[in-house]
Amino acid sequence: MKLLSALYIVPTPIGHFDDITKRALDVLSEVDWIACEDTRTSAKLFNHFGIKAKTFSLHEHNEVQRLSWITEQLDKDASIALISDAGTPLISDPGYKVVAHLREHGYQVTALPGACAAIAALSAAGIPSDRFCFEGFLPAKSASRQGKLQDLLQESRTMIFYESPRRAVRTLEDMAVIWGETHRIAIARELTKVYETFLFGSVRDVLSRLRADENQQKGEMVIVCHGFKSKPQELPREALEMLSLLCQDLPLKQVSKYIAIAFKVNKNTVYQHGLSLKKSPLA
C-alpha cells in the first residue's frame, strides 16, 4: 500500500539495531525518498535491514537549500522519510527548518515515536523525571559554557545535556565551579551499546571516576542534572509597604490581587508574604 504524500519523521536506533520499531521499518521500506543526516552512516542501518530506497543528504549546511526540492517532491505526491544518524530527528539534529517550512505551507508532516537518548537517560538516571528541560549541547568554550551554567542556577527542573567525550571532563569541571562540587548528576554513556554505563553521584564523584578511567571518556554521553530548589520571589520594598498597610483593613486575598496587578508580581507570592506578616509578632 502506497504511503500518503508527507514528510515522515522516523527515529532510528541510538545503538542497538533491535530498538527500531516495525512501523519505522515499514515506512523506511515504502517511502520514495529518505533524507539522511549522513548517507554513509545510514547505509549501515539500511544494509542490516535490507532497506532499498533512494536517499539524499540533509544536514545543517544544506537544509535551507533542500527546501524547494523537498516541496517539489511532495507536490508530485512523493513520500519522504527524515532520519538522523541516530535517535529521534530534530533533537540536536537537523530538520527543524524543513518541518517549519512544510507546516507553514500546509504540507503533511507525520512523526513516529521511537528511540531518544535524552529520554532513555532520564528514565534510568535516578534523578527527578516529573519536570525536565532539554538543553542540548553546552557551548564548546569554557567561558561561554560557564556563562550558560550560570544562567541555569535558577532552573528548578531536571536538566538534560548532550556532550561529546572530548569535552566531558572540562564540562564537569565547569559545573563544579559554577554549581558546586556536591551538585547531583548522572552520566549515561554508550546507551544501548555493549559498554553502556551510568555514573551517578555528585559532580565531584563523577568527575573523579572520569579522570581515573579514560574508557569512561569514550562514546557519546547524556548528562542528567538535578535542578535547583526554587527561591521565593522577592517583592519590591514599595509592594511590601503597601501590603503591610492594606492588610490592616482589607482581606489578604483581595490585597494580594491588587498588589500583583500594580507591581506585576505573582499573586501567590504576595499572599505568602502577607501570611508571614500576619504571623509576625509586630503585625
C-alpha atoms as a PDB file:
ATOM      1  CA  MET A   1       0.000   0.000   0.000  1.00  0.00           C
ATOM      2  CA  LYS A   2       1.472   3.343  -1.058  1.00  0.00           C
ATOM      3  CA  LEU A   3       2.112   5.821   1.722  1.00  0.00           C
ATOM      4  CA  LEU A   4       0.368   9.161   1.710  1.00  0.00           C
ATOM      5  CA  SER A   5       2.416  12.068   0.431  1.00  0.00           C
ATOM      6  CA  ALA A   6       4.040  13.509   3.561  1.00  0.00           C
ATOM      7  CA  LEU A   7       7.277  14.033   5.422  1.00  0.00           C
ATOM      8  CA  TYR A   8       7.697  11.198   7.928  1.00  0.00           C
ATOM      9  CA  ILE A   9       9.923  11.891  10.957  1.00  0.00           C
ATOM     10  CA  VAL A  10      11.426   8.464  11.695  1.00  0.00           C
ATOM     11  CA  PRO A  11      13.521   7.717  14.796  1.00  0.00           C
ATOM     12  CA  THR A  12      16.340   5.198  14.333  1.00  0.00           C
ATOM     13  CA  PRO A  13      18.250   3.186  16.972  1.00  0.00           C
ATOM     14  CA  ILE A  14      20.774   5.020  19.152  1.00  0.00           C
ATOM     15  CA  GLY A  15      22.924   1.901  19.213  1.00  0.00           C
ATOM     16  CA  HIS A  16      21.093  -1.426  19.349  1.00  0.00           C
ATOM     17  CA  PHE A  17      19.513  -2.176  15.958  1.00  0.00           C
ATOM     18  CA  ASP A  18      16.682  -4.153  17.606  1.00  0.00           C
ATOM     19  CA  ASP A  19      15.311  -0.934  19.093  1.00  0.00           C
ATOM     20  CA  ILE A  20      13.846   0.161  15.768  1.00  0.00           C
ATOM     21  CA  THR A  21      10.063  -0.185  15.557  1.00  0.00           C
ATOM     22  CA  LYS A  22       8.164  -2.239  12.991  1.00  0.00           C
ATOM     23  CA  ARG A  23       6.360   0.895  11.833  1.00  0.00           C
ATOM     24  CA  ALA A  24       9.679   2.667  11.269  1.00  0.00           C
ATOM     25  CA  LEU A  25      10.904  -0.236   9.141  1.00  0.00           C
ATOM     26  CA  ASP A  26       7.663  -0.252   7.152  1.00  0.00           C
ATOM     27  CA  VAL A  27       7.894   3.479   6.434  1.00  0.00           C
ATOM     28  CA  LEU A  28      11.582   3.362   5.519  1.00  0.00           C
ATOM     29  CA  SER A  29      10.892   0.462   3.168  1.00  0.00           C
ATOM     30  CA  GLU A  30       7.948   2.154   1.456  1.00  0.00           C
ATOM     31  CA  VAL A  31       8.811   5.856   1.119  1.00  0.00           C
ATOM     32  CA  ASP A  32      10.018   7.271  -2.173  1.00  0.00           C
ATOM     33  CA  TRP A  33      12.933   9.124  -0.587  1.00  0.00           C
ATOM     34  CA  ILE A  34      14.889   9.075   2.672  1.00  0.00           C
ATOM     35  CA  ALA A  35      16.614  12.242   3.889  1.00  0.00           C
ATOM     36  CA  CYS A  36      19.731  11.260   5.853  1.00  0.00           C
ATOM     37  CA  GLU A  37      21.966  13.365   8.049  1.00  0.00           C
ATOM     38  CA  ASP A  38      24.871  11.282   6.702  1.00  0.00           C
ATOM     39  CA  THR A  39      24.076   8.765   3.968  1.00  0.00           C
ATOM     40  CA  ARG A  40      27.204   6.740   4.815  1.00  0.00           C
ATOM     41  CA  THR A  41      26.143   6.287   8.431  1.00  0.00           C
ATOM     42  CA  SER A  42      22.564   5.439   7.462  1.00  0.00           C
ATOM     43  CA  ALA A  43      23.795   2.875   4.910  1.00  0.00           C
ATOM     44  CA  LYS A  44      24.792   0.568   7.788  1.00  0.00           C
ATOM     45  CA  LEU A  45      21.209   0.586   9.067  1.00  0.00           C
ATOM     46  CA  PHE A  46      19.748   0.058   5.596  1.00  0.00           C
ATOM     47  CA  ASN A  47      22.111  -2.820   4.836  1.00  0.00           C
ATOM     48  CA  HIS A  48      21.264  -4.509   8.148  1.00  0.00           C
ATOM     49  CA  PHE A  49      17.523  -4.452   7.449  1.00  0.00           C
ATOM     50  CA  GLY A  50      17.654  -4.808   3.669  1.00  0.00           C
ATOM     51  CA  ILE A  51      16.127  -1.397   3.041  1.00  0.00           C
ATOM     52  CA  LYS A  52      16.481  -0.224  -0.542  1.00  0.00           C
ATOM     53  CA  ALA A  53      15.385   3.354  -1.053  1.00  0.00           C
ATOM     54  CA  LYS A  54      16.565   6.466  -2.789  1.00  0.00           C
ATOM     55  CA  THR A  55      18.425   8.679  -0.328  1.00  0.00           C
ATOM     56  CA  PHE A  56      19.707  12.237  -0.187  1.00  0.00           C
ATOM     57  CA  SER A  57      21.694  14.138   2.425  1.00  0.00           C
ATOM     58  CA  LEU A  58      20.063  16.673   4.709  1.00  0.00           C
ATOM     59  CA  HIS A  59      22.351  18.314   7.247  1.00  0.00           C
ATOM     60  CA  GLU A  60      22.929  21.683   8.885  1.00  0.00           C
ATOM     61  CA  HIS A  61      24.890  23.022   5.936  1.00  0.00           C
ATOM     62  CA  ASN A  62      22.350  22.280   3.168  1.00  0.00           C
ATOM     63  CA  GLU A  63      18.987  22.252   4.944  1.00  0.00           C
ATOM     64  CA  VAL A  64      17.792  25.587   3.560  1.00  0.00           C
ATOM     65  CA  GLN A  65      18.931  24.713   0.037  1.00  0.00           C
ATOM     66  CA  ARG A  66      16.904  21.490   0.139  1.00  0.00           C
ATOM     67  CA  LEU A  67      13.584  23.169   0.939  1.00  0.00           C
ATOM     68  CA  SER A  68      12.427  23.873  -2.597  1.00  0.00           C
ATOM     69  CA  TRP A  69      13.401  20.413  -3.851  1.00  0.00           C
ATOM     70  CA  ILE A  70      11.559  18.714  -0.970  1.00  0.00           C
ATOM     71  CA  THR A  71       8.376  20.698  -1.612  1.00  0.00           C
ATOM     72  CA  GLU A  72       8.610  19.858  -5.332  1.00  0.00           C
ATOM     73  CA  GLN A  73       8.699  16.163  -4.488  1.00  0.00           C
ATOM     74  CA  LEU A  74       5.730  16.455  -2.154  1.00  0.00           C
ATOM     75  CA  ASP A  75       3.820  18.334  -4.862  1.00  0.00           C
ATOM     76  CA  LYS A  76       4.380  15.263  -7.048  1.00  0.00           C
ATOM     77  CA  ASP A  77       2.733  13.116  -4.327  1.00  0.00           C
ATOM     78  CA  ALA A  78       6.049  11.642  -3.200  1.00  0.00           C
ATOM     79  CA  SER A  79       6.613  10.434   0.356  1.00  0.00           C
ATOM     80  CA  ILE A  80       9.803  11.347   2.220  1.00  0.00           C
ATOM     81  CA  ALA A  81      11.271   9.988   5.449  1.00  0.00           C
ATOM     82  CA  LEU A  82      13.601  12.117   7.538  1.00  0.00           C
ATOM     83  CA  ILE A  83      16.150  10.361   9.755  1.00  0.00           C
ATOM     84  CA  SER A  84      19.207  11.465  11.706  1.00  0.00           C
ATOM     85  CA  ASP A  85      22.367   9.474  12.351  1.00  0.00           C
ATOM     86  CA  ALA A  86      20.754   8.038  15.488  1.00  0.00           C
ATOM     87  CA  GLY A  87      17.696   8.622  17.642  1.00  0.00           C
ATOM     88  CA  THR A  88      14.799  10.994  17.067  1.00  0.00           C
ATOM     89  CA  PRO A  89      15.377  13.606  14.331  1.00  0.00           C
ATOM     90  CA  LEU A  90      15.446  17.320  15.225  1.00  0.00           C
ATOM     91  CA  ILE A  91      16.655  16.636  18.802  1.00  0.00           C
ATOM     92  CA  SER A  92      20.009  18.449  18.485  1.00  0.00           C
ATOM     93  CA  ASP A  93      19.941  17.326  14.842  1.00  0.00           C
ATOM     94  CA  PRO A  94      18.926  18.999  11.549  1.00  0.00           C
ATOM     95  CA  GLY A  95      15.345  19.099  10.314  1.00  0.00           C
ATOM     96  CA  TYR A  96      13.651  21.962  12.144  1.00  0.00           C
ATOM     97  CA  LYS A  97      13.819  24.359   9.191  1.00  0.00           C
ATOM     98  CA  VAL A  98      12.313  21.767   6.867  1.00  0.00           C
ATOM     99  CA  VAL A  99       9.480  20.888   9.242  1.00  0.00           C
ATOM    100  CA  ALA A 100       8.723  24.549   9.985  1.00  0.00           C
ATOM    101  CA  HIS A 101       8.667  25.388   6.262  1.00  0.00           C
ATOM    102  CA  LEU A 102       6.341  22.499   5.439  1.00  0.00           C
ATOM    103  CA  ARG A 103       3.996  23.330   8.319  1.00  0.00           C
ATOM    104  CA  GLU A 104       3.804  26.970   7.228  1.00  0.00           C
ATOM    105  CA  HIS A 105       2.895  25.940   3.671  1.00  0.00           C
ATOM    106  CA  GLY A 106       0.287  23.338   4.544  1.00  0.00           C
ATOM    107  CA  TYR A 107       2.170  20.117   3.825  1.00  0.00           C
ATOM    108  CA  GLN A 108       1.590  16.959   5.852  1.00  0.00           C
ATOM    109  CA  VAL A 109       4.213  16.072   8.490  1.00  0.00           C
ATOM    110  CA  THR A 110       3.893  12.832  10.467  1.00  0.00           C
ATOM    111  CA  ALA A 111       6.066  11.925  13.465  1.00  0.00           C
ATOM    112  CA  LEU A 112       6.767   8.351  14.527  1.00  0.00           C
ATOM    113  CA  PRO A 113       7.688   7.630  18.169  1.00  0.00           C
ATOM    114  CA  GLY A 114      10.954   5.883  18.877  1.00  0.00           C
ATOM    115  CA  ALA A 115      14.410   5.930  20.388  1.00  0.00           C
ATOM    116  CA  CYS A 116      15.710   9.127  22.016  1.00  0.00           C
ATOM    117  CA  ALA A 117      18.934   9.207  24.048  1.00  0.00           C
ATOM    118  CA  ALA A 118      17.741  12.072  26.259  1.00  0.00           C
ATOM    119  CA  ILE A 119      14.590  10.253  27.380  1.00  0.00           C
ATOM    120  CA  ALA A 120      16.355   6.904  27.790  1.00  0.00           C
ATOM    121  CA  ALA A 121      18.990   8.523  30.010  1.00  0.00           C
ATOM    122  CA  LEU A 122      16.411  10.422  32.072  1.00  0.00           C
ATOM    123  CA  SER A 123      14.309   7.326  32.721  1.00  0.00           C
ATOM    124  CA  ALA A 124      17.242   5.424  34.243  1.00  0.00           C
ATOM    125  CA  ALA A 125      19.237   8.251  35.854  1.00  0.00           C
ATOM    126  CA  GLY A 126      17.663   8.173  39.307  1.00  0.00           C
ATOM    127  CA  ILE A 127      17.076  11.941  39.146  1.00  0.00           C
ATOM    128  CA  PRO A 128      13.563  13.504  39.312  1.00  0.00           C
ATOM    129  CA  SER A 129      11.802  12.974  35.980  1.00  0.00           C
ATOM    130  CA  ASP A 130       8.445  14.650  36.596  1.00  0.00           C
ATOM    131  CA  ARG A 131       9.696  18.011  35.262  1.00  0.00           C
ATOM    132  CA  PHE A 132      12.691  18.410  32.990  1.00  0.00           C
ATOM    133  CA  CYS A 133      14.196  20.534  30.228  1.00  0.00           C
ATOM    134  CA  PHE A 134      16.461  19.555  27.366  1.00  0.00           C
ATOM    135  CA  GLU A 135      19.402  21.936  26.869  1.00  0.00           C
ATOM    136  CA  GLY A 136      21.218  20.151  24.036  1.00  0.00           C
ATOM    137  CA  PHE A 137      24.974  20.732  23.805  1.00  0.00           C
ATOM    138  CA  LEU A 138      26.639  23.286  26.051  1.00  0.00           C
ATOM    139  CA  PRO A 139      28.987  25.821  24.383  1.00  0.00           C
ATOM    140  CA  ALA A 140      32.397  24.464  23.395  1.00  0.00           C
ATOM    141  CA  LYS A 141      34.429  27.233  25.031  1.00  0.00           C
ATOM    142  CA  SER A 142      34.754  27.271  28.811  1.00  0.00           C
ATOM    143  CA  ALA A 143      33.849  30.949  29.305  1.00  0.00           C
ATOM    144  CA  SER A 144      30.624  30.607  27.308  1.00  0.00           C
ATOM    145  CA  ARG A 145      29.875  27.268  28.936  1.00  0.00           C
ATOM    146  CA  GLN A 146      30.244  28.730  32.420  1.00  0.00           C
ATOM    147  CA  GLY A 147      28.014  31.616  31.406  1.00  0.00           C
ATOM    148  CA  LYS A 148      25.290  29.191  30.314  1.00  0.00           C
ATOM    149  CA  LEU A 149      25.639  27.193  33.539  1.00  0.00           C
ATOM    150  CA  GLN A 150      25.359  30.446  35.480  1.00  0.00           C
ATOM    151  CA  ASP A 151      22.097  31.214  33.666  1.00  0.00           C
ATOM    152  CA  LEU A 152      20.730  27.832  34.772  1.00  0.00           C
ATOM    153  CA  LEU A 153      21.320  28.373  38.503  1.00  0.00           C
ATOM    154  CA  GLN A 154      17.629  29.227  38.930  1.00  0.00           C
ATOM    155  CA  GLU A 155      16.396  26.211  36.930  1.00  0.00           C
ATOM    156  CA  SER A 156      14.296  24.011  39.220  1.00  0.00           C
ATOM    157  CA  ARG A 157      13.631  21.318  36.607  1.00  0.00           C
ATOM    158  CA  THR A 158      15.964  18.399  35.902  1.00  0.00           C
ATOM    159  CA  MET A 159      18.329  19.423  33.088  1.00  0.00           C
ATOM    160  CA  ILE A 160      19.462  17.142  30.253  1.00  0.00           C
ATOM    161  CA  PHE A 161      22.547  17.825  28.142  1.00  0.00           C
ATOM    162  CA  TYR A 162      24.301  16.048  25.307  1.00  0.00           C
ATOM    163  CA  GLU A 163      28.088  16.091  25.437  1.00  0.00           C
ATOM    164  CA  SER A 164      30.961  14.847  23.312  1.00  0.00           C
ATOM    165  CA  PRO A 165      33.538  12.618  25.026  1.00  0.00           C
ATOM    166  CA  ARG A 166      36.428  15.012  24.415  1.00  0.00           C
ATOM    167  CA  ARG A 167      34.689  17.781  26.394  1.00  0.00           C
ATOM    168  CA  ALA A 168      33.093  15.765  29.193  1.00  0.00           C
ATOM    169  CA  VAL A 169      35.804  16.326  31.799  1.00  0.00           C
ATOM    170  CA  ARG A 170      36.025  20.059  31.111  1.00  0.00           C
ATOM    171  CA  THR A 171      32.246  20.371  31.249  1.00  0.00           C
ATOM    172  CA  LEU A 172      32.096  18.719  34.673  1.00  0.00           C
ATOM    173  CA  GLU A 173      34.951  20.921  35.864  1.00  0.00           C
ATOM    174  CA  ASP A 174      32.903  23.966  34.895  1.00  0.00           C
ATOM    175  CA  MET A 175      29.836  22.523  36.626  1.00  0.00           C
ATOM    176  CA  ALA A 176      31.916  22.130  39.779  1.00  0.00           C
ATOM    177  CA  VAL A 177      32.982  25.782  39.563  1.00  0.00           C
ATOM    178  CA  ILE A 178      29.525  27.245  38.886  1.00  0.00           C
ATOM    179  CA  TRP A 179      27.149  24.762  40.516  1.00  0.00           C
ATOM    180  CA  GLY A 180      29.397  23.387  43.243  1.00  0.00           C
ATOM    181  CA  GLU A 181      31.087  20.013  43.594  1.00  0.00           C
ATOM    182  CA  THR A 182      28.194  18.440  45.509  1.00  0.00           C
ATOM    183  CA  HIS A 183      25.526  19.021  42.859  1.00  0.00           C
ATOM    184  CA  ARG A 184      23.882  15.718  41.863  1.00  0.00           C
ATOM    185  CA  ILE A 185      24.258  14.460  38.280  1.00  0.00           C
ATOM    186  CA  ALA A 186      24.239  11.272  36.241  1.00  0.00           C
ATOM    187  CA  ILE A 187      26.121  10.471  33.045  1.00  0.00           C
ATOM    188  CA  ALA A 188      24.694   7.914  30.621  1.00  0.00           C
ATOM    189  CA  ARG A 189      27.371   6.720  28.226  1.00  0.00           C
ATOM    190  CA  GLU A 190      27.097   4.494  25.145  1.00  0.00           C
ATOM    191  CA  LEU A 191      23.363   3.905  25.679  1.00  0.00           C
ATOM    192  CA  THR A 192      22.040   0.537  24.376  1.00  0.00           C
ATOM    193  CA  LYS A 193      25.554  -0.493  23.281  1.00  0.00           C
ATOM    194  CA  VAL A 194      27.934  -3.125  24.663  1.00  0.00           C
ATOM    195  CA  TYR A 195      29.702  -0.711  27.007  1.00  0.00           C
ATOM    196  CA  GLU A 196      26.639   1.151  28.279  1.00  0.00           C
ATOM    197  CA  THR A 197      27.497   2.821  31.590  1.00  0.00           C
ATOM    198  CA  PHE A 198      25.699   5.016  34.117  1.00  0.00           C
ATOM    199  CA  LEU A 199      27.750   7.133  36.523  1.00  0.00           C
ATOM    200  CA  PHE A 200      25.702   8.681  39.324  1.00  0.00           C
ATOM    201  CA  GLY A 201      26.610  10.938  42.240  1.00  0.00           C
ATOM    202  CA  SER A 202      27.976  14.394  42.959  1.00  0.00           C
ATOM    203  CA  VAL A 203      29.809  16.344  40.273  1.00  0.00           C
ATOM    204  CA  ARG A 204      32.999  15.711  42.262  1.00  0.00           C
ATOM    205  CA  ASP A 205      32.459  11.931  42.415  1.00  0.00           C
ATOM    206  CA  VAL A 206      31.533  11.529  38.753  1.00  0.00           C
ATOM    207  CA  LEU A 207      34.405  13.764  37.647  1.00  0.00           C
ATOM    208  CA  SER A 208      36.827  11.681  39.709  1.00  0.00           C
ATOM    209  CA  ARG A 209      35.634   8.482  38.023  1.00  0.00           C
ATOM    210  CA  LEU A 210      36.011  10.013  34.570  1.00  0.00           C
ATOM    211  CA  ARG A 211      39.544  11.155  35.324  1.00  0.00           C
ATOM    212  CA  ALA A 212      40.518   7.784  36.792  1.00  0.00           C
ATOM    213  CA  ASP A 213      39.347   5.723  33.817  1.00  0.00           C
ATOM    214  CA  GLU A 214      39.878   7.015  30.280  1.00  0.00           C
ATOM    215  CA  ASN A 215      37.471   4.355  28.985  1.00  0.00           C
ATOM    216  CA  GLN A 216      34.700   6.326  30.707  1.00  0.00           C
ATOM    217  CA  GLN A 217      35.600   9.288  28.483  1.00  0.00           C
ATOM    218  CA  LYS A 218      34.689   7.466  25.276  1.00  0.00           C
ATOM    219  CA  GLY A 219      31.407   7.425  23.386  1.00  0.00           C
ATOM    220  CA  GLU A 220      28.510   9.842  23.189  1.00  0.00           C
ATOM    221  CA  MET A 221      27.182  10.994  26.553  1.00  0.00           C
ATOM    222  CA  VAL A 222      23.990  12.290  28.081  1.00  0.00           C
ATOM    223  CA  ILE A 223      24.373  14.305  31.285  1.00  0.00           C
ATOM    224  CA  VAL A 224      21.298  14.443  33.520  1.00  0.00           C
ATOM    225  CA  CYS A 225      21.474  17.088  36.255  1.00  0.00           C
ATOM    226  CA  HIS A 226      19.341  17.707  39.313  1.00  0.00           C
ATOM    227  CA  GLY A 227      17.515  21.029  39.261  1.00  0.00           C
ATOM    228  CA  PHE A 228      17.933  23.747  41.880  1.00  0.00           C
ATOM    229  CA  LYS A 229      15.468  24.492  44.637  1.00  0.00           C
ATOM    230  CA  SER A 230      13.465  27.487  43.575  1.00  0.00           C
ATOM    231  CA  LYS A 231      13.802  30.532  45.803  1.00  0.00           C
ATOM    232  CA  PRO A 232      10.755  32.556  46.781  1.00  0.00           C
ATOM    233  CA  GLN A 233      10.251  35.618  44.649  1.00  0.00           C
ATOM    234  CA  GLU A 234      11.299  38.861  46.327  1.00  0.00           C
ATOM    235  CA  LEU A 235       8.896  41.779  46.383  1.00  0.00           C
ATOM    236  CA  PRO A 236       9.824  45.421  45.822  1.00  0.00           C
ATOM    237  CA  ARG A 237      10.062  47.467  49.026  1.00  0.00           C
ATOM    238  CA  GLU A 238       7.117  49.603  47.922  1.00  0.00           C
ATOM    239  CA  ALA A 239       4.972  46.484  47.456  1.00  0.00           C
ATOM    240  CA  LEU A 240       5.834  45.218  50.924  1.00  0.00           C
ATOM    241  CA  GLU A 241       4.988  48.599  52.461  1.00  0.00           C
ATOM    242  CA  MET A 242       1.637  48.677  50.656  1.00  0.00           C
ATOM    243  CA  LEU A 243       0.949  45.085  51.678  1.00  0.00           C
ATOM    244  CA  SER A 244       1.582  45.890  55.330  1.00  0.00           C
ATOM    245  CA  LEU A 245      -0.655  48.956  55.175  1.00  0.00           C
ATOM    246  CA  LEU A 246      -3.610  47.469  53.293  1.00  0.00           C
ATOM    247  CA  CYS A 247      -3.686  44.220  55.255  1.00  0.00           C
ATOM    248  CA  GLN A 248      -4.772  46.194  58.299  1.00  0.00           C
ATOM    249  CA  ASP A 249      -8.170  46.968  56.730  1.00  0.00           C
ATOM    250  CA  LEU A 250      -8.713  44.605  53.765  1.00  0.00           C
ATOM    251  CA  PRO A 251      -8.792  40.810  53.253  1.00  0.00           C
ATOM    252  CA  LEU A 252      -5.387  39.409  52.323  1.00  0.00           C
ATOM    253  CA  LYS A 253      -6.735  37.660  49.237  1.00  0.00           C
ATOM    254  CA  GLN A 254      -8.085  40.944  47.862  1.00  0.00           C
ATOM    255  CA  VAL A 255      -4.894  42.839  48.746  1.00  0.00           C
ATOM    256  CA  SER A 256      -2.745  40.193  47.030  1.00  0.00           C
ATOM    257  CA  LYS A 257      -4.696  40.595  43.815  1.00  0.00           C
ATOM    258  CA  TYR A 258      -4.326  44.400  43.816  1.00  0.00           C
ATOM    259  CA  ILE A 259      -0.592  44.357  44.548  1.00  0.00           C
ATOM    260  CA  ALA A 260       0.093  41.610  41.995  1.00  0.00           C
ATOM    261  CA  ILE A 261      -1.510  43.745  39.284  1.00  0.00           C
ATOM    262  CA  ALA A 262       0.096  47.009  40.408  1.00  0.00           C
ATOM    263  CA  PHE A 263       3.653  45.647  40.664  1.00  0.00           C
ATOM    264  CA  LYS A 264       3.414  42.847  38.067  1.00  0.00           C
ATOM    265  CA  VAL A 265       4.371  40.116  40.535  1.00  0.00           C
ATOM    266  CA  ASN A 266       2.965  36.695  41.344  1.00  0.00           C
ATOM    267  CA  LYS A 267      -0.246  36.865  43.352  1.00  0.00           C
ATOM    268  CA  ASN A 268       0.575  33.772  45.391  1.00  0.00           C
ATOM    269  CA  THR A 269       3.968  35.259  46.311  1.00  0.00           C
ATOM    270  CA  VAL A 270       2.242  38.367  47.651  1.00  0.00           C
ATOM    271  CA  TYR A 271      -0.211  36.191  49.570  1.00  0.00           C
ATOM    272  CA  GLN A 272       2.610  34.196  51.191  1.00  0.00           C
ATOM    273  CA  HIS A 273       4.357  37.414  52.258  1.00  0.00           C
ATOM    274  CA  GLY A 274       1.054  38.575  53.695  1.00  0.00           C
ATOM    275  CA  LEU A 275       0.700  35.409  55.747  1.00  0.00           C
ATOM    276  CA  SER A 276       4.200  35.958  57.098  1.00  0.00           C
ATOM    277  CA  LEU A 277       3.234  39.471  58.156  1.00  0.00           C
ATOM    278  CA  LYS A 278       0.157  38.201  59.966  1.00  0.00           C
ATOM    279  CA  LYS A 279       2.276  35.648  61.867  1.00  0.00           C
ATOM    280  CA  SER A 280       4.836  38.280  62.844  1.00  0.00           C
ATOM    281  CA  PRO A 281       4.614  39.490  66.469  1.00  0.00           C
ATOM    282  CA  LEU A 282       4.831  43.052  65.188  1.00  0.00           C
ATOM    283  CA  ALA A 283       1.901  42.669  62.797  1.00  0.00           C
END
